[in-house]
Protein backbone atom coordinates (compact mmCIF):
# COMPACT_ATOMS: atom_id res chain seq x y z
CA UNK A 1 -10.57 13.15 27.35
CA UNK A 2 -7.51 15.33 27.30
CA UNK A 3 -4.23 14.40 25.94
CA UNK A 4 -2.73 14.44 29.33
CA UNK A 5 -5.52 12.43 30.83
CA UNK A 6 -5.13 9.72 27.97
CA UNK A 7 -1.43 9.51 28.36
CA UNK A 8 -1.69 9.08 31.96
CA UNK A 9 -4.13 6.15 32.00
CA UNK A 10 -1.95 3.16 31.20
CA UNK A 11 -3.36 0.74 28.68
CA UNK A 12 -3.17 -1.89 31.29
CA UNK A 13 -5.10 -0.12 33.76
CA UNK A 14 -7.88 0.21 31.70
CA UNK A 15 -11.00 -2.27 32.24
CA UNK A 16 -12.05 -4.33 29.55
CA UNK A 17 -15.22 -2.89 27.65
CA UNK A 18 -18.29 -5.08 27.35
CA UNK A 19 -19.20 -8.21 29.32
CA UNK A 20 -18.16 -11.71 29.35
CA UNK A 21 -22.11 -12.58 28.95
CA UNK A 22 -22.14 -10.60 25.86
CA UNK A 23 -19.24 -11.92 24.37
CA UNK A 24 -20.24 -15.56 25.26
CA UNK A 25 -23.60 -15.14 23.66
CA UNK A 26 -22.12 -13.59 20.61
CA UNK A 27 -19.95 -16.98 20.35
CA UNK A 28 -23.00 -19.10 20.74
CA UNK A 29 -25.04 -17.16 18.23
CA UNK A 30 -22.30 -17.50 15.84
CA UNK A 31 -22.04 -21.14 16.30
CA UNK A 32 -25.67 -21.87 16.03
CA UNK A 33 -26.73 -19.21 13.42
CA UNK A 34 -23.47 -19.01 11.32
CA UNK A 35 -21.39 -16.16 10.42
CA UNK A 36 -23.56 -14.54 7.96
CA UNK A 37 -26.33 -14.01 10.20
CA UNK A 38 -24.36 -12.63 13.10
CA UNK A 39 -22.24 -10.34 11.21
CA UNK A 40 -24.67 -7.30 11.18
CA UNK A 41 -24.70 -7.53 14.95
CA UNK A 42 -21.24 -7.45 15.29
CA UNK A 43 -20.71 -4.36 13.13
CA UNK A 44 -23.36 -2.70 15.47
CA UNK A 45 -21.51 -3.47 18.31
CA UNK A 46 -18.20 -2.11 16.66
CA UNK A 47 -20.24 0.88 15.68
CA UNK A 48 -21.12 1.51 19.49
CA UNK A 49 -17.60 1.58 20.47
CA UNK A 50 -16.58 3.74 17.59
CA UNK A 51 -19.46 6.22 18.54
CA UNK A 52 -18.46 6.04 22.28
CA UNK A 53 -14.63 5.91 22.10
CA UNK A 54 -13.56 9.50 21.51
CA UNK A 55 -10.00 8.75 22.85
CA UNK A 56 -9.54 5.52 21.00
CA UNK A 57 -10.60 7.35 17.50
CA UNK A 58 -7.90 9.76 18.25
CA UNK A 59 -5.42 7.04 18.67
CA UNK A 60 -6.39 5.31 15.52
CA UNK A 61 -6.29 8.77 13.65
CA UNK A 62 -2.81 9.50 14.91
CA UNK A 63 -1.48 6.02 13.88
CA UNK A 64 -2.88 6.57 10.37
CA UNK A 65 -1.47 9.97 9.89
CA UNK A 66 1.96 8.63 10.98
CA UNK A 67 1.93 5.74 8.69
CA UNK A 68 0.56 7.78 5.91
CA UNK A 69 3.73 10.32 6.60
CA UNK A 70 6.29 7.84 7.08
CA UNK A 71 5.31 5.69 3.91
CA UNK A 72 4.71 8.80 1.82
CA UNK A 73 1.70 6.93 0.35
CA UNK A 74 -1.51 8.77 0.49
CA UNK A 75 -3.69 6.00 -0.72
CA UNK A 76 -3.09 3.55 2.49
CA UNK A 77 -6.23 4.56 3.91
CA UNK A 78 -9.74 5.22 2.71
CA UNK A 79 -10.66 8.81 1.84
CA UNK A 80 -13.92 8.97 3.93
CA UNK A 81 -14.09 7.83 7.48
CA UNK A 82 -10.74 6.07 7.72
CA UNK A 83 -10.84 5.47 11.49
CA UNK A 84 -14.22 4.01 10.94
CA UNK A 85 -12.70 1.60 8.33
CA UNK A 86 -10.25 0.35 10.95
CA UNK A 87 -12.95 -0.28 13.57
CA UNK A 88 -14.80 -2.54 10.81
CA UNK A 89 -11.68 -4.24 10.07
CA UNK A 90 -11.56 -5.12 13.91
CA UNK A 91 -15.06 -6.34 13.88
CA UNK A 92 -14.11 -8.55 10.85
CA UNK A 93 -11.05 -9.82 12.72
CA UNK A 94 -13.66 -10.77 15.74
CA UNK A 95 -15.76 -12.92 13.38
CA UNK A 96 -12.57 -14.66 12.37
CA UNK A 97 -11.77 -15.44 15.92
CA UNK A 98 -14.99 -16.69 16.49
CA UNK A 99 -14.38 -19.11 13.49
CA UNK A 100 -11.19 -20.09 15.20
CA UNK A 101 -12.75 -20.88 18.49
CA UNK A 102 -15.59 -23.05 16.62
CA UNK A 103 -12.97 -24.83 14.39
CA UNK A 104 -14.04 -23.51 11.19
CA UNK A 105 -10.84 -21.30 10.29
CA UNK A 106 -8.48 -24.27 9.44
CA UNK A 107 -4.91 -24.69 8.46
CA UNK A 108 -6.09 -25.38 4.91
CA UNK A 109 -7.54 -21.68 4.61
CA UNK A 110 -4.29 -20.09 5.92
CA UNK A 111 -1.22 -19.48 3.73
CA UNK A 112 2.27 -19.72 5.02
CA UNK A 113 5.26 -17.14 4.46
CA UNK A 114 8.13 -18.97 6.27
CA UNK A 115 11.27 -18.62 4.15
CA UNK A 116 13.38 -19.54 7.43
CA UNK A 117 11.67 -22.78 8.06
CA UNK A 118 10.35 -21.94 11.44
CA UNK A 119 7.53 -24.59 11.29
CA UNK A 120 9.97 -27.22 10.84
CA UNK A 121 11.55 -26.11 14.01
CA UNK A 122 8.06 -26.10 15.63
CA UNK A 123 7.49 -29.81 14.32
CA UNK A 124 11.00 -31.08 15.31
CA UNK A 125 10.45 -32.03 18.97
CA UNK A 126 13.76 -30.22 19.77
CA UNK A 127 14.14 -27.60 22.43
CA UNK A 128 11.42 -24.98 22.31
CA UNK A 129 11.66 -21.29 21.20
CA UNK A 130 10.66 -17.89 21.80
CA UNK A 131 7.66 -16.59 19.23
CA UNK A 132 7.52 -12.66 19.52
CA UNK A 133 4.02 -11.50 18.21
CA UNK A 134 2.14 -8.20 17.76
CA UNK A 135 -1.23 -6.72 17.91
CA UNK A 136 -1.17 -6.53 14.06
CA UNK A 137 -3.65 -8.60 12.45
CA UNK A 138 -5.32 -11.84 14.23
CA UNK A 139 -4.10 -12.24 17.60
CA UNK A 140 -5.29 -15.97 17.58
CA UNK A 141 -2.58 -16.84 15.42
CA UNK A 142 -1.17 -18.50 18.58
CA UNK A 143 -3.96 -21.01 18.28
CA UNK A 144 -3.26 -21.40 14.58
CA UNK A 145 0.59 -21.94 15.57
CA UNK A 146 -0.42 -24.91 18.26
CA UNK A 147 -2.36 -26.53 14.85
CA UNK A 148 0.54 -25.88 12.69
CA UNK A 149 2.97 -27.42 15.20
CA UNK A 150 0.84 -30.60 15.41
CA UNK A 151 -0.03 -30.10 19.04
CA UNK A 152 2.95 -28.34 20.41
CA UNK A 153 2.20 -26.79 23.77
CA UNK A 154 2.35 -22.80 23.71
CA UNK A 155 2.76 -20.92 26.67
CA UNK A 156 1.39 -17.31 25.82
CA UNK A 157 2.45 -14.54 28.14
CA UNK A 158 -0.27 -11.65 27.89
CA UNK A 159 -1.85 -9.12 30.45
CA UNK A 160 -4.70 -11.24 31.51
CA UNK A 161 -6.82 -8.72 33.58
CA UNK A 162 -7.02 -6.54 30.64
CA UNK A 163 -8.65 -9.15 28.49
CA UNK A 164 -10.53 -11.11 31.17
CA UNK A 165 -13.50 -11.86 29.13
CA UNK A 166 -11.70 -12.92 25.87
CA UNK A 167 -9.32 -15.18 28.22
CA UNK A 168 -12.10 -16.67 30.14
CA UNK A 169 -13.87 -17.42 26.79
CA UNK A 170 -10.68 -19.07 25.26
CA UNK A 171 -10.28 -21.19 28.44
CA UNK A 172 -13.93 -22.52 27.92
CA UNK A 173 -12.83 -23.65 24.40
CA UNK A 174 -10.91 -26.54 25.90
CA UNK A 175 -7.75 -26.14 24.03
CA UNK A 176 -5.35 -27.67 26.42
CA UNK A 177 -2.32 -27.05 24.06
CA UNK A 178 -2.48 -23.36 24.99
CA UNK A 179 -1.53 -22.05 28.50
CA UNK A 180 -2.17 -18.54 29.25
CA UNK A 181 0.25 -16.67 31.76
CA UNK A 182 -0.09 -13.29 33.36
CA UNK A 183 3.14 -11.42 31.99
CA UNK A 184 2.95 -9.35 35.57
CA UNK A 185 3.73 -12.68 37.22
CA UNK A 186 7.37 -13.12 35.74
CA UNK A 187 9.93 -13.79 38.71
CA UNK A 188 12.52 -16.43 39.24
CA UNK A 189 10.26 -19.22 39.82
CA UNK A 190 8.32 -18.52 36.53
CA UNK A 191 11.60 -18.21 34.49
CA UNK A 192 12.79 -21.58 35.92
CA UNK A 193 9.39 -23.17 34.85
CA UNK A 194 9.49 -21.52 31.40
CA UNK A 195 13.11 -22.92 30.81
CA UNK A 196 11.86 -26.28 31.76
CA UNK A 197 9.13 -26.18 29.52
CA UNK A 198 11.41 -25.24 26.55
CA UNK A 199 13.50 -27.94 27.53
CA UNK A 200 10.30 -30.22 27.05
CA UNK A 201 9.97 -28.83 23.60
CA UNK A 202 7.13 -26.60 24.66
CA UNK A 203 7.40 -22.89 22.71
CA UNK A 204 6.63 -19.33 24.52
CA UNK A 205 4.90 -16.62 22.89
CA UNK A 206 4.72 -12.83 24.06
CA UNK A 207 3.80 -9.58 22.38
CA UNK A 208 6.58 -7.27 21.69
CA UNK A 209 4.53 -3.98 21.33
CA UNK A 210 2.87 -3.47 24.45
CA UNK A 211 4.88 -1.79 27.29
CA UNK A 212 4.51 -2.78 30.83
CA UNK A 213 2.44 -1.12 33.43
CA UNK A 214 3.83 0.19 36.65
CA UNK A 215 6.98 1.39 35.21
CA UNK A 216 8.40 -1.82 33.83
CA UNK A 217 11.41 -1.67 31.60
CA UNK A 218 10.83 -0.15 28.23
CA UNK A 219 13.10 1.16 25.51
CA UNK A 220 12.43 4.00 22.98
CA UNK A 221 12.77 3.22 19.33
CA UNK A 222 11.78 4.65 16.09
CA UNK A 223 8.51 3.73 14.79
CA UNK A 224 6.81 5.31 12.14
CA UNK A 225 8.98 8.19 11.89
CA UNK A 226 9.00 9.16 15.89
CA UNK A 227 10.16 7.51 19.12
CA UNK A 228 7.77 5.04 20.76
CA UNK A 229 8.41 2.92 23.88
CA UNK A 230 8.56 -0.72 23.44
CA UNK A 231 9.07 -3.19 26.19
CA UNK A 232 12.41 -4.80 26.95
CA UNK A 233 10.50 -8.00 28.64
CA UNK A 234 10.63 -10.19 25.52
CA UNK A 235 14.35 -9.83 24.93
CA UNK A 236 15.23 -9.75 28.55
CA UNK A 237 13.53 -13.19 28.61
CA UNK A 238 15.30 -14.28 25.57
CA UNK A 239 18.65 -13.62 26.92
CA UNK A 240 17.93 -15.40 30.33
CA UNK A 241 16.38 -18.30 28.55
CA UNK A 242 19.33 -18.36 26.10
CA UNK A 243 16.78 -19.41 23.08
CA UNK A 244 16.41 -18.72 19.69
CA UNK A 245 13.67 -15.81 18.77
CA UNK A 246 11.23 -15.95 15.99
CA UNK A 247 8.73 -13.15 14.83
CA UNK A 248 5.37 -13.88 14.03
CA UNK A 249 2.28 -12.08 12.64
CA UNK A 250 -0.70 -13.09 10.89
CA UNK A 251 -2.53 -10.74 8.52
CA UNK A 252 -5.45 -11.10 6.30
CA UNK A 253 -5.22 -10.10 2.32
CA UNK A 254 -8.21 -10.78 0.02
CA UNK A 255 -9.84 -12.97 2.33
CA UNK A 256 -7.20 -15.24 3.20
CA UNK A 257 -4.90 -15.15 6.19
CA UNK A 258 -0.89 -15.29 5.86
CA UNK A 259 1.32 -16.39 8.82
CA UNK A 260 4.39 -14.73 8.49
CA UNK A 261 7.19 -16.36 10.52
CA UNK A 262 10.72 -15.25 10.68
CA UNK A 263 13.95 -16.29 12.30
CA UNK A 264 15.00 -13.26 14.42
CA UNK A 265 17.95 -14.14 16.42
CA UNK A 266 19.54 -16.67 18.74
CA UNK A 267 19.97 -15.35 22.08
CA UNK A 268 22.20 -18.11 23.35
CA UNK A 269 24.99 -16.35 21.45
CA UNK A 270 24.49 -12.84 23.20
CA UNK A 271 27.28 -11.65 25.20
CA UNK A 272 26.08 -10.88 28.76
CA UNK A 273 28.36 -8.13 28.88
CA UNK A 274 26.81 -6.29 25.86
CA UNK A 275 23.19 -7.05 27.01
CA UNK A 276 21.96 -3.65 27.12
CA UNK A 277 23.45 -2.86 23.69
CA UNK A 278 21.93 -6.04 21.95
CA UNK A 279 18.62 -5.51 23.28
CA UNK A 280 18.44 -1.90 22.09
CA UNK A 281 19.30 -3.38 18.59
CA UNK A 282 16.75 -5.82 18.92
CA UNK A 283 14.12 -3.60 19.77
CA UNK A 284 14.88 -1.11 17.01
CA UNK A 285 14.80 -4.30 14.34
CA UNK A 286 11.64 -5.39 15.99
CA UNK A 287 10.05 -1.93 15.30
CA UNK A 288 11.24 -1.93 11.62
CA UNK A 289 9.79 -5.05 11.24
CA UNK A 290 6.58 -4.09 12.53
CA UNK A 291 6.36 -0.86 10.60
CA UNK A 292 6.67 -2.97 7.49
CA UNK A 293 3.90 -5.15 8.24
CA UNK A 294 1.78 -2.36 9.16
CA UNK A 295 2.19 -0.75 5.83
CA UNK A 296 1.46 -4.27 4.31
CA UNK A 297 -1.83 -4.45 6.36
CA UNK A 298 -2.64 -0.73 7.41
CA UNK A 299 -6.29 -1.23 8.64
CA UNK A 300 -5.13 -4.21 10.95
CA UNK A 301 -3.23 -2.30 13.46
CA UNK A 302 -5.42 -3.20 16.43
CA UNK A 303 -3.59 -1.72 19.17
CA UNK A 304 -6.02 1.08 20.04
CA UNK A 305 -3.78 2.80 22.78
CA UNK A 306 -1.70 5.81 22.81
CA UNK A 307 1.53 4.79 21.56
CA UNK A 308 3.90 7.83 21.12
CA UNK A 309 4.86 10.03 23.66
CA UNK A 310 2.51 12.70 24.28
CA UNK A 311 1.26 12.67 20.70
CA UNK A 312 -2.52 11.98 20.55
CA UNK A 313 -4.22 14.19 18.08
CA UNK A 314 -6.01 17.31 19.61
CA UNK A 315 -8.94 16.89 17.32
CA UNK A 316 -11.57 14.28 17.14
CA UNK A 317 -11.48 11.66 14.63
CA UNK A 318 -14.06 10.10 12.33
C-alpha cells in the first residue's frame, strides 16, 4: 500500500476485519474454556493480522518513532520487533475485554486515579456530564465506568459501522446501562435528546482522538512533536450541551488496570463569541494530555490508523 493510498482511505471507511461468528466463537470459548486455554488462539489471530497488515504495521512504527523522538527516551519499546510487541499488547487487551464481557474483570481488580473526584460526580445523581475518552488502553472503560457509577446510564457515541462485530457482541451481553449511538447521526434532534438525558443524570462518552469522515470539522494540534488532526466534535458538543467535561482512559500496568479520571473544563462557562478560540485551546490541551499518557503506556496506543499528515513510514515495519 502506498503512502498516498493509505492516507486517502479514511479509517471510518475501512471494513472491520474478521467476522462476527469468529468473534462470537472466541467469546464463547473464553467463557467455556477459560482465558489460559484460549490465549494461544488469540495470539495466533493477532499474528495473522500482523503478518497481513503491512499498512497498519507502518502506522504503528510511525507512532513508535514519534513517541521515542518526542520523549527523548530510547527505552520505551523493545529493541527487537517493537511493532509486534504492540500487536501482542492489543491481543492481551482483547482477552481483558472478553473478561469484562463475562463479568470476570471486576471493580476490585481496577485501581482509580481520580484526584478531582469525578467518580463522586458520577454517583451523585446530579445532571450528567461529558466523558472524553481515547483509544489508548482498554476501550471497555465505558463499561467499567457504568459499574463505578453504580448503574448510571452511559450514552457512548462512536462510529458504529466501523466496529459492527464488536458492537453486535456488546449488545448481546445484555448490559442495558450502555447505549451505543452512531456519532455520524448527530443532528439537532439527537442533541436535544442528549440534553434531556443529561438532565436525567445520564452521562455521555465520546472519543477525542478520531477525526470524522466526509470532511467533518477537525482541528490541527501538536501531537508528539508534529501537527495531527483532532475532531472538534466532542468540544462542539460540550459547548452546545453546556456541561462539564472530563477526560478518561484506562491503562494496564503490572497486570492491573488503572482508570485515570480528570476534570477538564466546564463548557457552561465558555463564551459563545470566543468558541473557536476556546475549542482550539481544548484540543491542544487534550493532545498534550494524550501524549503524556502514551508515554506512560507506550505499547497501549491502539489507534492503528495513519494519524499525522502524510507521514506514514515508507519502509515496512516489523
